[in-house]
C-alpha atoms as a PDB file:
ATOM      1  CA  MET A   1      -8.485  11.920  21.349  1.00  0.00           C
ATOM      2  CA  SER A   2      -6.457  14.148  20.140  1.00  0.00           C
ATOM      3  CA  ASN A   3      -6.244  13.396  16.038  1.00  0.00           C
ATOM      4  CA  ILE A   4      -2.578  13.466  15.188  1.00  0.00           C
ATOM      5  CA  CYS A   5      -3.686  12.241  11.566  1.00  0.00           C
ATOM      6  CA  ASN A   6      -6.258  14.369  10.637  1.00  0.00           C
ATOM      7  CA  ARG A   7      -6.515  13.686   7.110  1.00  0.00           C
ATOM      8  CA  PRO A   8      -9.950  14.793   4.877  1.00  0.00           C
ATOM      9  CA  ARG A   9      -9.158  11.962   2.731  1.00  0.00           C
ATOM     10  CA  ILE A  10      -9.105   9.369   5.029  1.00  0.00           C
ATOM     11  CA  LYS A  11     -12.503   7.249   6.256  1.00  0.00           C
ATOM     12  CA  PRO A  12     -13.090   8.255   9.698  1.00  0.00           C
ATOM     13  CA  VAL A  13     -12.355   4.232  10.889  1.00  0.00           C
ATOM     14  CA  MET A  14      -9.090   3.799   9.246  1.00  0.00           C
ATOM     15  CA  ASN A  15      -8.205   7.406  11.378  1.00  0.00           C
ATOM     16  CA  ILE A  16      -8.776   6.485  14.609  1.00  0.00           C
ATOM     17  CA  MET A  17      -6.853   2.850  13.518  1.00  0.00           C
ATOM     18  CA  ALA A  18      -3.981   5.477  12.478  1.00  0.00           C
ATOM     19  CA  ASN A  19      -3.646   7.768  15.367  1.00  0.00           C
ATOM     20  CA  SER A  20      -4.211   4.161  17.695  1.00  0.00           C
ATOM     21  CA  ILE A  21      -1.142   2.450  16.137  1.00  0.00           C
ATOM     22  CA  LEU A  22       0.847   5.944  16.289  1.00  0.00           C
ATOM     23  CA  LYS A  23       0.076   6.830  19.364  1.00  0.00           C
ATOM     24  CA  LYS A  24       1.403   3.382  20.694  1.00  0.00           C
ATOM     25  CA  LEU A  25       4.181   3.636  18.876  1.00  0.00           C
ATOM     26  CA  GLU A  26       5.552   6.610  19.845  1.00  0.00           C
ATOM     27  CA  SER A  27       4.836   6.317  23.305  1.00  0.00           C
ATOM     28  CA  LYS A  28       8.315   2.953  22.907  1.00  0.00           C
ATOM     29  CA  GLU A  29      11.437   4.100  24.350  1.00  0.00           C
ATOM     30  CA  ILE A  30      13.422   1.392  21.332  1.00  0.00           C
ATOM     31  CA  LYS A  31      12.327   1.220  18.004  1.00  0.00           C
ATOM     32  CA  THR A  32      12.821  -0.736  14.990  1.00  0.00           C
ATOM     33  CA  ASP A  33      13.329   0.550  11.919  1.00  0.00           C
ATOM     34  CA  GLU A  34      10.504  -0.738  11.008  1.00  0.00           C
ATOM     35  CA  GLU A  35       8.623   0.573  13.354  1.00  0.00           C
ATOM     36  CA  LEU A  36      10.540   4.594  12.181  1.00  0.00           C
ATOM     37  CA  GLU A  37       8.795   3.473   8.545  1.00  0.00           C
ATOM     38  CA  THR A  38       5.242   3.656  10.078  1.00  0.00           C
ATOM     39  CA  VAL A  39       5.605   6.410  12.500  1.00  0.00           C
ATOM     40  CA  ASP A  40       6.860   8.377   9.532  1.00  0.00           C
ATOM     41  CA  MET A  41       4.197   6.900   6.893  1.00  0.00           C
ATOM     42  CA  ILE A  42       1.147   7.697   9.199  1.00  0.00           C
ATOM     43  CA  LYS A  43       2.391  11.608   9.846  1.00  0.00           C
ATOM     44  CA  ASN A  44       3.495  12.303   6.962  1.00  0.00           C
ATOM     45  CA  GLY A  45       1.082  10.063   4.289  1.00  0.00           C
ATOM     46  CA  ARG A  46       4.597   8.310   2.753  1.00  0.00           C
ATOM     47  CA  SER A  47       3.829   4.724   0.801  1.00  0.00           C
ATOM     48  CA  PHE A  48       6.255   1.765   0.975  1.00  0.00           C
ATOM     49  CA  ALA A  49       4.537   0.943  -2.856  1.00  0.00           C
ATOM     50  CA  SER A  50       7.478   0.497  -5.508  1.00  0.00           C
ATOM     51  CA  THR A  51       7.599  -1.854  -7.638  1.00  0.00           C
ATOM     52  CA  GLU A  52      10.769  -3.055  -5.606  1.00  0.00           C
ATOM     53  CA  ASN A  53       8.463  -3.842  -2.806  1.00  0.00           C
ATOM     54  CA  LEU A  54       5.324  -6.127  -4.407  1.00  0.00           C
ATOM     55  CA  ALA A  55       7.970  -7.856  -6.131  1.00  0.00           C
ATOM     56  CA  PRO A  56       6.926 -10.481  -4.152  1.00  0.00           C
ATOM     57  CA  VAL A  57       3.506  -9.630  -4.904  1.00  0.00           C
ATOM     58  CA  LEU A  58       3.898  -9.497  -8.309  1.00  0.00           C
ATOM     59  CA  GLY A  59       6.181 -13.357  -8.692  1.00  0.00           C
ATOM     60  CA  TRP A  60       2.427 -14.763  -6.329  1.00  0.00           C
ATOM     61  CA  LEU A  61       0.554 -13.499  -8.728  1.00  0.00           C
ATOM     62  CA  LYS A  62       1.974 -14.689 -11.972  1.00  0.00           C
ATOM     63  CA  GLN A  63       2.674 -18.134 -10.695  1.00  0.00           C
ATOM     64  CA  ALA A  64      -1.028 -18.590  -9.291  1.00  0.00           C
ATOM     65  CA  SER A  65      -1.953 -17.056 -12.934  1.00  0.00           C
ATOM     66  CA  SER A  66       0.193 -20.180 -14.994  1.00  0.00           C
END
């Protein structure tokens, strides 16, 4: 298996999982926007952790701690 995603800071198991997901997604003829974002994230190290994306989680934490 070739390492499509070969980042030294990623643990070997995570690297294997990322490569497996990437291979499966790239083999699909028609990809959703989410799948294209996932491929981009794996290949280019993109992150979706932002205040906007974390708002539901932060809201839940605030509610759970009150």
